[in-house]
Structures are given as C-alpha cells and as structure tokens.
Amino acid sequence: MIRGVTRAYSSRFLRTVPTMAFPAGRLLAVVSGRIYLLASDGWDPLATPRPHSALPIERSEAEALCRRLGHPIGVLDSVPEADY
C-alpha cells in the first residue's frame, strides 16, 4: 500500500424487481456486506438479507434509476459506510 493512499470507498448497486407500489423497482446499495435502501429521505439500512430478486446493476443504470425516481445522482456517492 502506498503511504497516504486509502482504499477507494465503493458500493455496489442492486435493483429490485418492479412491483405495483414501485413500478421502477427500488435501488439498493451494498457496502461491506451491509444493504441500504434508497428512500425518499436518503439511505436506510435494511435489517434483512439481500432480497433474492434484487439484481446487480452498473453505476450508469443506478444513475438512470435515480433520474427516473427523482433523486439527484449525487445520492449514489452518499451511501453510508457500514458501521458494525
């Protein structure tokens, strides 16, 4: 490791299947094994394991989903760090 350089903070994004309540699906983020759901007021940690129907998506797809849901794209960079 290079001195002064830290590991890049990264999250993986998932999208749930569409439902009647959420026809575009829901956006999830995984950070260090912890799952967060994008709600209207920001990221909420989930107490349950990853939904089996949630599929991984690329960041570009997550950005498109944010636009569709009315969230600013910057919210993708504000996923909380997992606190165990």
C-alpha atoms as a PDB file:
ATOM      1  CA  MET A   1       0.000   0.000   0.000  1.00  0.00           C
ATOM      2  CA  ILE A   2       1.251   3.461  -0.833  1.00  0.00           C
ATOM      3  CA  ARG A   3       1.586   5.706   2.205  1.00  0.00           C
ATOM      4  CA  GLY A   4      -1.186   8.281   2.437  1.00  0.00           C
ATOM      5  CA  VAL A   5      -3.425   6.435  -0.023  1.00  0.00           C
ATOM      6  CA  THR A   6      -6.505   4.800   1.358  1.00  0.00           C
ATOM      7  CA  ARG A   7      -8.662   2.169  -0.183  1.00  0.00           C
ATOM      8  CA  ALA A   8     -11.313   3.532  -2.525  1.00  0.00           C
ATOM      9  CA  TYR A   9     -14.761   3.724  -0.984  1.00  0.00           C
ATOM     10  CA  SER A  10     -17.083   1.772  -3.184  1.00  0.00           C
ATOM     11  CA  SER A  11     -20.566   0.430  -3.162  1.00  0.00           C
ATOM     12  CA  ARG A  12     -22.350  -1.996  -5.395  1.00  0.00           C
ATOM     13  CA  PHE A  13     -25.832  -1.208  -6.590  1.00  0.00           C
ATOM     14  CA  LEU A  14     -28.818  -3.516  -6.960  1.00  0.00           C
ATOM     15  CA  ARG A  15     -32.306  -3.037  -8.331  1.00  0.00           C
ATOM     16  CA  THR A  16     -35.351  -4.847  -7.050  1.00  0.00           C
ATOM     17  CA  VAL A  17     -37.989  -6.202  -9.376  1.00  0.00           C
ATOM     18  CA  PRO A  18     -40.838  -3.833 -10.244  1.00  0.00           C
ATOM     19  CA  THR A  19     -43.980  -4.039  -8.124  1.00  0.00           C
ATOM     20  CA  MET A  20     -47.305  -2.222  -8.229  1.00  0.00           C
ATOM     21  CA  ALA A  21     -46.094   0.136  -5.491  1.00  0.00           C
ATOM     22  CA  PHE A  22     -42.686   0.664  -7.135  1.00  0.00           C
ATOM     23  CA  PRO A  23     -43.018   0.121 -10.899  1.00  0.00           C
ATOM     24  CA  ALA A  24     -39.391   1.162 -11.493  1.00  0.00           C
ATOM     25  CA  GLY A  25     -38.137  -1.121  -8.733  1.00  0.00           C
ATOM     26  CA  ARG A  26     -36.125   0.059  -5.722  1.00  0.00           C
ATOM     27  CA  LEU A  27     -32.462   0.990  -5.609  1.00  0.00           C
ATOM     28  CA  LEU A  28     -30.268  -0.809  -3.103  1.00  0.00           C
ATOM     29  CA  ALA A  29     -26.606  -0.301  -2.275  1.00  0.00           C
ATOM     30  CA  VAL A  30     -24.250  -2.808  -0.667  1.00  0.00           C
ATOM     31  CA  VAL A  31     -21.314  -1.513   1.372  1.00  0.00           C
ATOM     32  CA  SER A  32     -19.097  -4.015   3.203  1.00  0.00           C
ATOM     33  CA  GLY A  33     -21.913  -6.564   3.129  1.00  0.00           C
ATOM     34  CA  ARG A  34     -24.499  -4.158   4.584  1.00  0.00           C
ATOM     35  CA  ILE A  35     -27.549  -3.356   2.455  1.00  0.00           C
ATOM     36  CA  TYR A  36     -29.097   0.099   2.195  1.00  0.00           C
ATOM     37  CA  LEU A  37     -32.384   1.064   0.536  1.00  0.00           C
ATOM     38  CA  LEU A  38     -32.753   4.433  -1.169  1.00  0.00           C
ATOM     39  CA  ALA A  39     -35.820   6.017   0.412  1.00  0.00           C
ATOM     40  CA  SER A  40     -37.315   9.452  -0.180  1.00  0.00           C
ATOM     41  CA  ASP A  41     -35.215  10.901   2.663  1.00  0.00           C
ATOM     42  CA  GLY A  42     -31.932   9.116   1.891  1.00  0.00           C
ATOM     43  CA  TRP A  43     -30.363   5.726   2.526  1.00  0.00           C
ATOM     44  CA  ASP A  44     -31.960   3.421   5.106  1.00  0.00           C
ATOM     45  CA  PRO A  45     -30.151   0.310   6.349  1.00  0.00           C
ATOM     46  CA  LEU A  46     -32.039  -2.939   5.864  1.00  0.00           C
ATOM     47  CA  ALA A  47     -32.200  -5.440   8.695  1.00  0.00           C
ATOM     48  CA  THR A  48     -32.881  -8.284   6.293  1.00  0.00           C
ATOM     49  CA  PRO A  49     -30.577 -10.142   3.930  1.00  0.00           C
ATOM     50  CA  ARG A  50     -30.399  -9.184   0.273  1.00  0.00           C
ATOM     51  CA  PRO A  51     -33.698  -9.809  -1.486  1.00  0.00           C
ATOM     52  CA  HIS A  52     -33.265 -12.768  -3.839  1.00  0.00           C
ATOM     53  CA  SER A  53     -34.980 -10.876  -6.630  1.00  0.00           C
ATOM     54  CA  ALA A  54     -32.575  -7.897  -6.461  1.00  0.00           C
ATOM     55  CA  LEU A  55     -30.173  -7.921  -9.396  1.00  0.00           C
ATOM     56  CA  PRO A  56     -26.794  -6.171  -9.646  1.00  0.00           C
ATOM     57  CA  ILE A  57     -26.702  -3.102 -11.893  1.00  0.00           C
ATOM     58  CA  GLU A  58     -23.929  -0.865 -13.207  1.00  0.00           C
ATOM     59  CA  ARG A  59     -23.481   2.644 -11.859  1.00  0.00           C
ATOM     60  CA  SER A  60     -24.817   4.100 -15.122  1.00  0.00           C
ATOM     61  CA  GLU A  61     -28.036   2.126 -14.604  1.00  0.00           C
ATOM     62  CA  ALA A  62     -28.204   3.347 -10.993  1.00  0.00           C
ATOM     63  CA  GLU A  63     -27.831   6.934 -12.255  1.00  0.00           C
ATOM     64  CA  ALA A  64     -30.662   6.413 -14.741  1.00  0.00           C
ATOM     65  CA  LEU A  65     -32.841   4.942 -11.994  1.00  0.00           C
ATOM     66  CA  CYS A  66     -32.096   7.943  -9.745  1.00  0.00           C
ATOM     67  CA  ARG A  67     -33.199  10.304 -12.507  1.00  0.00           C
ATOM     68  CA  ARG A  68     -36.361   8.279 -13.063  1.00  0.00           C
ATOM     69  CA  LEU A  69     -37.160   8.262  -9.333  1.00  0.00           C
ATOM     70  CA  GLY A  70     -36.412  11.984  -8.943  1.00  0.00           C
ATOM     71  CA  HIS A  71     -33.251  11.650  -6.824  1.00  0.00           C
ATOM     72  CA  PRO A  72     -30.088  13.635  -7.559  1.00  0.00           C
ATOM     73  CA  ILE A  73     -27.297  11.461  -8.949  1.00  0.00           C
ATOM     74  CA  GLY A  74     -25.025  12.616  -6.115  1.00  0.00           C
ATOM     75  CA  VAL A  75     -27.027  10.428  -3.740  1.00  0.00           C
ATOM     76  CA  LEU A  76     -25.082   7.464  -5.166  1.00  0.00           C
ATOM     77  CA  ASP A  77     -21.933   8.866  -3.565  1.00  0.00           C
ATOM     78  CA  SER A  78     -23.594   9.402  -0.192  1.00  0.00           C
ATOM     79  CA  VAL A  79     -24.246   5.781   0.771  1.00  0.00           C
ATOM     80  CA  PRO A  80     -23.275   5.487   4.455  1.00  0.00           C
ATOM     81  CA  GLU A  81     -20.254   3.434   5.366  1.00  0.00           C
ATOM     82  CA  ALA A  82     -21.175   0.206   7.093  1.00  0.00           C
ATOM     83  CA  ASP A  83     -20.864   0.560  10.863  1.00  0.00           C
ATOM     84  CA  TYR A  84     -20.619  -2.710  12.713  1.00  0.00           C
END
